[in-house]
Amino acid sequence: MLSFYNCSATPIILLALVSLAWFVIGVLAGRTLPTVSGGKSKSPKRGGKRSARPQKSPANIKGNPELYVGNLSYDVTEKDLYRMLGDFGRVNSVRLITNSFNGKSKGYAFVQMGDRATSDKATKALSGKEYEGRKLVVNIAKNRAR
């Protein structure tokens, strides 16, 4: 006759009992089970409010919006965008969005201009204009966590 302690299922039963005890202690302590969210926690940290993410660019803090430039030809490069937008004022940065697998352009970019006035001027002048056979879409980019 096999005793309970010699059974091959003992480690599994023991693990189940320990897990159940851990769960019951957590429930009695008022804690909830963590949710599966792909590694990123959406709940506030213990003991405080969730803080807002800081803006990445100091120009955004001063009220200078980032521009979305869409419907670009797939052959357009960052240099082309610097030249095209440089006519309206200083261009701080250009991020041409590319496919991570083959490195080709996806047809849109984000541009940070020198100040608010040049951003507005470039938006009004370029929105709907044709560039390399395509009508551009230029507007203020929606801020979104990256």
N, C-alpha and C. Protein backbone atom coordinates (compact mmCIF):
# COMPACT_ATOMS: atom_id res chain seq x y z
N MET A 1 0.84 -1.17 0.00
CA MET A 1 0.00 0.00 0.00
C MET A 1 0.89 1.24 0.00
N LEU A 2 0.55 2.18 -0.86
CA LEU A 2 1.32 3.41 -0.95
C LEU A 2 0.83 4.41 0.08
N SER A 3 1.75 5.03 0.72
CA SER A 3 1.35 6.08 1.65
C SER A 3 1.23 7.40 0.89
N PHE A 4 0.62 8.36 1.49
CA PHE A 4 0.40 9.67 0.86
C PHE A 4 1.73 10.35 0.52
N TYR A 5 2.72 10.17 1.36
CA TYR A 5 4.01 10.84 1.18
C TYR A 5 4.86 10.23 0.08
N ASN A 6 4.61 9.02 -0.31
CA ASN A 6 5.38 8.38 -1.36
C ASN A 6 4.75 8.55 -2.74
N CYS A 7 3.61 9.17 -2.80
CA CYS A 7 2.89 9.35 -4.06
C CYS A 7 3.64 10.36 -4.94
N SER A 8 3.64 10.13 -6.26
CA SER A 8 4.37 11.01 -7.16
C SER A 8 3.66 12.35 -7.36
N ALA A 9 2.40 12.46 -6.97
CA ALA A 9 1.65 13.70 -7.12
C ALA A 9 1.83 14.63 -5.94
N THR A 10 2.61 14.24 -4.95
CA THR A 10 2.79 15.05 -3.74
C THR A 10 3.32 16.44 -4.03
N PRO A 11 4.35 16.63 -4.87
CA PRO A 11 4.83 18.00 -5.12
C PRO A 11 3.76 18.88 -5.75
N ILE A 12 2.93 18.33 -6.61
CA ILE A 12 1.88 19.12 -7.25
C ILE A 12 0.82 19.52 -6.23
N ILE A 13 0.44 18.59 -5.38
CA ILE A 13 -0.55 18.88 -4.34
C ILE A 13 -0.01 19.91 -3.37
N LEU A 14 1.25 19.78 -3.01
CA LEU A 14 1.88 20.73 -2.09
C LEU A 14 1.94 22.12 -2.71
N LEU A 15 2.28 22.21 -3.98
CA LEU A 15 2.32 23.49 -4.68
C LEU A 15 0.93 24.12 -4.73
N ALA A 16 -0.08 23.31 -4.98
CA ALA A 16 -1.45 23.82 -5.03
C ALA A 16 -1.88 24.35 -3.67
N LEU A 17 -1.54 23.64 -2.61
CA LEU A 17 -1.90 24.09 -1.26
C LEU A 17 -1.19 25.38 -0.88
N VAL A 18 0.08 25.50 -1.23
CA VAL A 18 0.83 26.72 -0.95
C VAL A 18 0.26 27.89 -1.74
N SER A 19 -0.09 27.67 -3.01
CA SER A 19 -0.67 28.73 -3.83
C SER A 19 -2.01 29.18 -3.28
N LEU A 20 -2.83 28.23 -2.86
CA LEU A 20 -4.13 28.56 -2.29
C LEU A 20 -3.96 29.35 -1.00
N ALA A 21 -3.02 28.95 -0.16
CA ALA A 21 -2.77 29.68 1.08
C ALA A 21 -2.29 31.10 0.79
N TRP A 22 -1.42 31.24 -0.19
CA TRP A 22 -0.91 32.58 -0.56
C TRP A 22 -2.06 33.47 -1.04
N PHE A 23 -2.98 32.91 -1.84
CA PHE A 23 -4.13 33.65 -2.33
C PHE A 23 -5.05 34.07 -1.18
N VAL A 24 -5.34 33.16 -0.28
CA VAL A 24 -6.24 33.46 0.85
C VAL A 24 -5.62 34.53 1.74
N ILE A 25 -4.34 34.44 2.01
CA ILE A 25 -3.68 35.47 2.83
C ILE A 25 -3.74 36.82 2.13
N GLY A 26 -3.54 36.84 0.82
CA GLY A 26 -3.62 38.09 0.06
C GLY A 26 -5.00 38.69 0.09
N VAL A 27 -6.04 37.85 -0.03
CA VAL A 27 -7.41 38.34 0.02
C VAL A 27 -7.73 38.90 1.40
N LEU A 28 -7.29 38.21 2.43
CA LEU A 28 -7.54 38.69 3.80
C LEU A 28 -6.80 39.99 4.08
N ALA A 29 -5.67 40.19 3.44
CA ALA A 29 -4.90 41.42 3.63
C ALA A 29 -5.45 42.55 2.78
N GLY A 30 -6.41 42.27 1.89
CA GLY A 30 -7.02 43.31 1.08
C GLY A 30 -6.35 43.57 -0.24
N ARG A 31 -5.46 42.70 -0.64
CA ARG A 31 -4.78 42.88 -1.92
C ARG A 31 -5.55 42.17 -3.02
N THR A 32 -5.41 42.68 -4.24
CA THR A 32 -6.05 42.04 -5.38
C THR A 32 -5.00 41.33 -6.21
N LEU A 33 -5.46 40.42 -7.03
CA LEU A 33 -4.54 39.72 -7.91
C LEU A 33 -4.07 40.65 -9.01
N PRO A 34 -2.81 40.55 -9.42
CA PRO A 34 -2.33 41.40 -10.52
C PRO A 34 -2.99 40.97 -11.82
N THR A 35 -3.24 41.95 -12.70
CA THR A 35 -3.82 41.65 -14.00
C THR A 35 -2.70 41.49 -15.01
N VAL A 36 -2.95 40.74 -16.03
CA VAL A 36 -1.97 40.55 -17.09
C VAL A 36 -2.13 41.70 -18.07
N SER A 37 -1.08 42.54 -18.17
CA SER A 37 -1.16 43.71 -19.04
C SER A 37 0.06 43.85 -19.93
N GLY A 38 0.72 42.78 -20.24
CA GLY A 38 1.86 42.85 -21.14
C GLY A 38 3.10 43.45 -20.50
N GLY A 39 3.22 43.37 -19.18
CA GLY A 39 4.42 43.85 -18.52
C GLY A 39 4.34 45.28 -18.02
N LYS A 40 3.33 46.03 -18.44
CA LYS A 40 3.21 47.41 -18.00
C LYS A 40 2.05 47.53 -17.03
N SER A 41 2.30 48.07 -15.88
CA SER A 41 1.26 48.25 -14.89
C SER A 41 0.49 49.52 -15.16
N LYS A 42 -0.84 49.43 -15.18
CA LYS A 42 -1.66 50.60 -15.41
C LYS A 42 -2.22 51.15 -14.10
N SER A 43 -1.98 50.44 -13.03
CA SER A 43 -2.51 50.91 -11.75
C SER A 43 -1.49 51.82 -11.07
N PRO A 44 -1.98 52.72 -10.21
CA PRO A 44 -1.04 53.61 -9.52
C PRO A 44 -0.15 52.82 -8.57
N LYS A 45 1.01 53.39 -8.32
CA LYS A 45 1.93 52.76 -7.40
C LYS A 45 1.41 52.91 -5.97
N ARG A 46 1.86 52.04 -5.11
CA ARG A 46 1.40 52.08 -3.71
C ARG A 46 1.74 53.39 -3.05
N GLY A 47 0.79 53.89 -2.30
CA GLY A 47 1.04 55.05 -1.46
C GLY A 47 1.00 56.38 -2.17
N GLY A 48 0.53 56.45 -3.39
CA GLY A 48 0.52 57.75 -4.03
C GLY A 48 -0.29 57.77 -5.31
N LYS A 49 -0.44 58.97 -5.82
CA LYS A 49 -1.16 59.13 -7.08
C LYS A 49 -0.23 58.82 -8.24
N ARG A 50 -0.84 58.45 -9.33
CA ARG A 50 -0.06 58.22 -10.54
C ARG A 50 0.36 59.56 -11.12
N SER A 51 1.63 59.68 -11.40
CA SER A 51 2.12 60.96 -11.91
C SER A 51 2.03 60.98 -13.43
N ALA A 52 1.86 62.14 -13.98
CA ALA A 52 1.80 62.30 -15.43
C ALA A 52 3.19 62.15 -16.01
N ARG A 53 3.26 61.65 -17.24
CA ARG A 53 4.56 61.50 -17.90
C ARG A 53 5.11 62.86 -18.27
N PRO A 54 6.40 63.05 -18.07
CA PRO A 54 6.99 64.33 -18.49
C PRO A 54 7.08 64.40 -20.01
N GLN A 55 7.01 65.60 -20.53
CA GLN A 55 7.15 65.78 -21.98
C GLN A 55 8.59 65.53 -22.37
N LYS A 56 8.80 64.92 -23.53
CA LYS A 56 10.15 64.58 -23.96
C LYS A 56 10.92 65.78 -24.48
N SER A 57 10.23 66.70 -25.12
CA SER A 57 10.91 67.82 -25.74
C SER A 57 10.65 69.11 -24.98
N PRO A 58 11.70 69.88 -24.64
CA PRO A 58 11.48 71.13 -23.95
C PRO A 58 10.66 72.11 -24.78
N ALA A 59 10.70 71.99 -26.11
CA ALA A 59 9.93 72.89 -26.96
C ALA A 59 8.43 72.66 -26.77
N ASN A 60 8.02 71.42 -26.47
CA ASN A 60 6.61 71.14 -26.22
C ASN A 60 6.12 71.83 -24.95
N ILE A 61 6.98 71.97 -23.96
CA ILE A 61 6.61 72.62 -22.71
C ILE A 61 6.34 74.10 -22.95
N LYS A 62 7.05 74.71 -23.86
CA LYS A 62 6.87 76.13 -24.15
C LYS A 62 5.67 76.40 -25.04
N GLY A 63 4.95 75.35 -25.45
CA GLY A 63 3.78 75.55 -26.27
C GLY A 63 4.03 75.38 -27.75
N ASN A 64 5.17 74.86 -28.14
CA ASN A 64 5.47 74.65 -29.55
C ASN A 64 5.01 73.25 -29.94
N PRO A 65 3.98 73.14 -30.78
CA PRO A 65 3.45 71.82 -31.10
C PRO A 65 4.32 71.07 -32.10
N GLU A 66 4.22 69.76 -32.05
CA GLU A 66 4.87 68.92 -33.04
C GLU A 66 3.92 68.78 -34.22
N LEU A 67 4.44 68.82 -35.42
CA LEU A 67 3.62 68.73 -36.61
C LEU A 67 3.60 67.31 -37.15
N TYR A 68 2.43 66.88 -37.61
CA TYR A 68 2.28 65.62 -38.33
C TYR A 68 2.28 65.95 -39.81
N VAL A 69 3.17 65.33 -40.55
CA VAL A 69 3.23 65.52 -42.00
C VAL A 69 2.93 64.16 -42.62
N GLY A 70 1.76 64.05 -43.26
CA GLY A 70 1.32 62.76 -43.78
C GLY A 70 1.12 62.77 -45.28
N ASN A 71 0.82 61.58 -45.81
CA ASN A 71 0.62 61.34 -47.24
C ASN A 71 1.88 61.69 -48.04
N LEU A 72 3.02 61.38 -47.45
CA LEU A 72 4.30 61.61 -48.12
C LEU A 72 4.59 60.49 -49.11
N SER A 73 5.34 60.82 -50.12
CA SER A 73 5.84 59.80 -51.04
C SER A 73 6.80 58.90 -50.26
N TYR A 74 6.84 57.63 -50.62
CA TYR A 74 7.71 56.71 -49.90
C TYR A 74 9.18 56.95 -50.19
N ASP A 75 9.47 57.79 -51.18
CA ASP A 75 10.85 58.11 -51.53
C ASP A 75 11.39 59.33 -50.80
N VAL A 76 10.55 60.03 -50.05
CA VAL A 76 10.96 61.25 -49.34
C VAL A 76 11.90 60.86 -48.20
N THR A 77 12.96 61.64 -48.02
CA THR A 77 13.91 61.41 -46.94
C THR A 77 13.80 62.54 -45.91
N GLU A 78 14.49 62.36 -44.79
CA GLU A 78 14.49 63.40 -43.76
C GLU A 78 15.13 64.69 -44.29
N LYS A 79 16.13 64.57 -45.12
CA LYS A 79 16.78 65.75 -45.69
C LYS A 79 15.80 66.55 -46.55
N ASP A 80 14.96 65.84 -47.31
CA ASP A 80 13.95 66.51 -48.12
C ASP A 80 12.99 67.31 -47.24
N LEU A 81 12.61 66.72 -46.12
CA LEU A 81 11.69 67.41 -45.21
C LEU A 81 12.36 68.61 -44.55
N TYR A 82 13.65 68.47 -44.19
CA TYR A 82 14.37 69.62 -43.63
C TYR A 82 14.40 70.77 -44.63
N ARG A 83 14.66 70.45 -45.90
CA ARG A 83 14.70 71.49 -46.93
C ARG A 83 13.33 72.12 -47.16
N MET A 84 12.29 71.28 -47.25
CA MET A 84 10.96 71.78 -47.53
C MET A 84 10.44 72.67 -46.38
N LEU A 85 10.62 72.23 -45.15
CA LEU A 85 10.12 72.99 -44.01
C LEU A 85 11.08 74.10 -43.57
N GLY A 86 12.33 74.02 -43.99
CA GLY A 86 13.31 75.04 -43.65
C GLY A 86 12.99 76.39 -44.26
N ASP A 87 12.18 76.40 -45.31
CA ASP A 87 11.77 77.67 -45.93
C ASP A 87 10.90 78.51 -45.00
N PHE A 88 10.28 77.89 -44.03
CA PHE A 88 9.37 78.60 -43.12
C PHE A 88 10.02 79.00 -41.81
N GLY A 89 11.18 78.46 -41.52
CA GLY A 89 11.88 78.79 -40.28
C GLY A 89 12.76 77.63 -39.84
N ARG A 90 13.27 77.74 -38.65
CA ARG A 90 14.19 76.73 -38.12
C ARG A 90 13.45 75.42 -37.83
N VAL A 91 14.04 74.32 -38.23
CA VAL A 91 13.49 72.99 -37.97
C VAL A 91 14.36 72.34 -36.90
N ASN A 92 13.75 72.02 -35.75
CA ASN A 92 14.51 71.39 -34.66
C ASN A 92 14.78 69.91 -34.92
N SER A 93 13.74 69.20 -35.34
CA SER A 93 13.92 67.77 -35.57
C SER A 93 12.89 67.25 -36.56
N VAL A 94 13.27 66.16 -37.23
CA VAL A 94 12.37 65.46 -38.15
C VAL A 94 12.48 63.97 -37.82
N ARG A 95 11.34 63.32 -37.60
CA ARG A 95 11.30 61.87 -37.39
C ARG A 95 10.47 61.26 -38.51
N LEU A 96 11.11 60.72 -39.50
CA LEU A 96 10.44 60.03 -40.59
C LEU A 96 10.17 58.61 -40.10
N ILE A 97 8.92 58.21 -40.08
CA ILE A 97 8.55 56.90 -39.54
C ILE A 97 8.81 55.84 -40.61
N THR A 98 9.56 54.80 -40.24
CA THR A 98 9.94 53.76 -41.18
C THR A 98 9.50 52.39 -40.69
N ASN A 99 9.40 51.47 -41.61
CA ASN A 99 9.10 50.09 -41.30
C ASN A 99 10.32 49.48 -40.62
N SER A 100 10.14 48.81 -39.50
CA SER A 100 11.29 48.29 -38.76
C SER A 100 11.93 47.08 -39.45
N PHE A 101 11.20 46.42 -40.33
CA PHE A 101 11.76 45.24 -40.98
C PHE A 101 12.59 45.58 -42.20
N ASN A 102 12.06 46.46 -43.07
CA ASN A 102 12.81 46.74 -44.29
C ASN A 102 13.36 48.16 -44.36
N GLY A 103 13.06 49.01 -43.39
CA GLY A 103 13.63 50.35 -43.33
C GLY A 103 13.00 51.35 -44.28
N LYS A 104 11.95 50.98 -44.98
CA LYS A 104 11.31 51.90 -45.92
C LYS A 104 10.34 52.82 -45.18
N SER A 105 10.13 53.98 -45.75
CA SER A 105 9.24 54.97 -45.16
C SER A 105 7.80 54.47 -45.14
N LYS A 106 7.06 54.85 -44.09
CA LYS A 106 5.64 54.52 -44.01
C LYS A 106 4.77 55.63 -44.58
N GLY A 107 5.38 56.75 -44.97
CA GLY A 107 4.63 57.81 -45.61
C GLY A 107 4.20 58.94 -44.69
N TYR A 108 4.75 58.99 -43.49
CA TYR A 108 4.45 60.12 -42.61
C TYR A 108 5.63 60.41 -41.70
N ALA A 109 5.62 61.63 -41.14
CA ALA A 109 6.73 62.07 -40.30
C ALA A 109 6.20 63.02 -39.23
N PHE A 110 7.01 63.22 -38.21
CA PHE A 110 6.72 64.19 -37.16
C PHE A 110 7.86 65.21 -37.16
N VAL A 111 7.48 66.50 -37.16
CA VAL A 111 8.45 67.57 -37.30
C VAL A 111 8.29 68.54 -36.14
N GLN A 112 9.42 68.92 -35.53
CA GLN A 112 9.43 69.92 -34.46
C GLN A 112 10.08 71.18 -35.02
N MET A 113 9.28 72.24 -35.10
CA MET A 113 9.77 73.51 -35.64
C MET A 113 10.38 74.35 -34.51
N GLY A 114 11.03 75.45 -34.89
CA GLY A 114 11.72 76.30 -33.93
C GLY A 114 10.80 77.01 -32.96
N ASP A 115 9.66 77.51 -33.42
CA ASP A 115 8.72 78.18 -32.53
C ASP A 115 7.30 78.03 -33.06
N ARG A 116 6.36 78.50 -32.29
CA ARG A 116 4.93 78.33 -32.61
C ARG A 116 4.55 79.04 -33.91
N ALA A 117 5.09 80.21 -34.13
CA ALA A 117 4.73 80.98 -35.32
C ALA A 117 5.15 80.26 -36.59
N THR A 118 6.35 79.68 -36.60
CA THR A 118 6.79 78.97 -37.79
C THR A 118 5.99 77.68 -38.00
N SER A 119 5.58 77.05 -36.90
CA SER A 119 4.74 75.85 -37.01
C SER A 119 3.41 76.19 -37.66
N ASP A 120 2.78 77.28 -37.21
CA ASP A 120 1.50 77.70 -37.77
C ASP A 120 1.64 78.10 -39.25
N LYS A 121 2.73 78.81 -39.55
CA LYS A 121 2.96 79.24 -40.93
C LYS A 121 3.16 78.05 -41.86
N ALA A 122 3.93 77.06 -41.43
CA ALA A 122 4.17 75.87 -42.24
C ALA A 122 2.89 75.05 -42.41
N THR A 123 2.09 74.96 -41.34
CA THR A 123 0.84 74.21 -41.42
C THR A 123 -0.11 74.83 -42.44
N LYS A 124 -0.28 76.14 -42.38
CA LYS A 124 -1.19 76.83 -43.31
C LYS A 124 -0.69 76.75 -44.74
N ALA A 125 0.61 76.86 -44.94
CA ALA A 125 1.15 76.90 -46.30
C ALA A 125 1.20 75.52 -46.96
N LEU A 126 1.46 74.47 -46.18
CA LEU A 126 1.71 73.16 -46.79
C LEU A 126 0.51 72.22 -46.78
N SER A 127 -0.47 72.45 -45.94
CA SER A 127 -1.61 71.55 -45.87
C SER A 127 -2.39 71.58 -47.17
N GLY A 128 -2.50 70.43 -47.83
CA GLY A 128 -3.21 70.32 -49.09
C GLY A 128 -2.36 70.59 -50.32
N LYS A 129 -1.12 71.04 -50.15
CA LYS A 129 -0.24 71.31 -51.29
C LYS A 129 0.33 69.99 -51.83
N GLU A 130 0.64 69.97 -53.11
CA GLU A 130 1.19 68.78 -53.72
C GLU A 130 2.71 68.78 -53.60
N TYR A 131 3.26 67.64 -53.21
CA TYR A 131 4.71 67.47 -53.09
C TYR A 131 5.05 66.08 -53.61
N GLU A 132 5.84 66.03 -54.66
CA GLU A 132 6.24 64.79 -55.33
C GLU A 132 5.02 63.93 -55.70
N GLY A 133 4.01 64.59 -56.24
CA GLY A 133 2.86 63.88 -56.77
C GLY A 133 1.79 63.52 -55.76
N ARG A 134 1.91 63.97 -54.50
CA ARG A 134 0.91 63.63 -53.49
C ARG A 134 0.52 64.87 -52.71
N LYS A 135 -0.76 64.98 -52.34
CA LYS A 135 -1.22 66.11 -51.54
C LYS A 135 -0.86 65.87 -50.08
N LEU A 136 -0.13 66.82 -49.52
CA LEU A 136 0.33 66.68 -48.14
C LEU A 136 -0.81 66.90 -47.14
N VAL A 137 -0.70 66.22 -46.02
CA VAL A 137 -1.56 66.46 -44.87
C VAL A 137 -0.65 66.97 -43.77
N VAL A 138 -0.83 68.22 -43.38
CA VAL A 138 0.02 68.81 -42.35
C VAL A 138 -0.90 69.39 -41.28
N ASN A 139 -0.74 68.90 -40.07
CA ASN A 139 -1.50 69.45 -38.95
C ASN A 139 -0.74 69.21 -37.65
N ILE A 140 -1.30 69.71 -36.57
CA ILE A 140 -0.66 69.54 -35.27
C ILE A 140 -0.87 68.11 -34.80
N ALA A 141 0.22 67.46 -34.41
CA ALA A 141 0.15 66.06 -33.99
C ALA A 141 -0.56 65.93 -32.66
N LYS A 142 -1.31 64.85 -32.53
CA LYS A 142 -1.99 64.57 -31.26
C LYS A 142 -0.98 64.00 -30.31
N ASN A 143 -0.90 64.54 -29.11
CA ASN A 143 0.04 64.03 -28.12
C ASN A 143 -0.45 62.68 -27.62
N ARG A 144 0.47 61.73 -27.60
CA ARG A 144 0.13 60.39 -27.20
C ARG A 144 1.38 59.78 -26.58
N ALA A 145 1.20 58.96 -25.56
CA ALA A 145 2.33 58.31 -24.92
C ALA A 145 3.04 57.41 -25.89
N ARG A 146 4.37 57.48 -25.90
CA ARG A 146 5.14 56.63 -26.81
C ARG A 146 5.88 55.61 -26.05
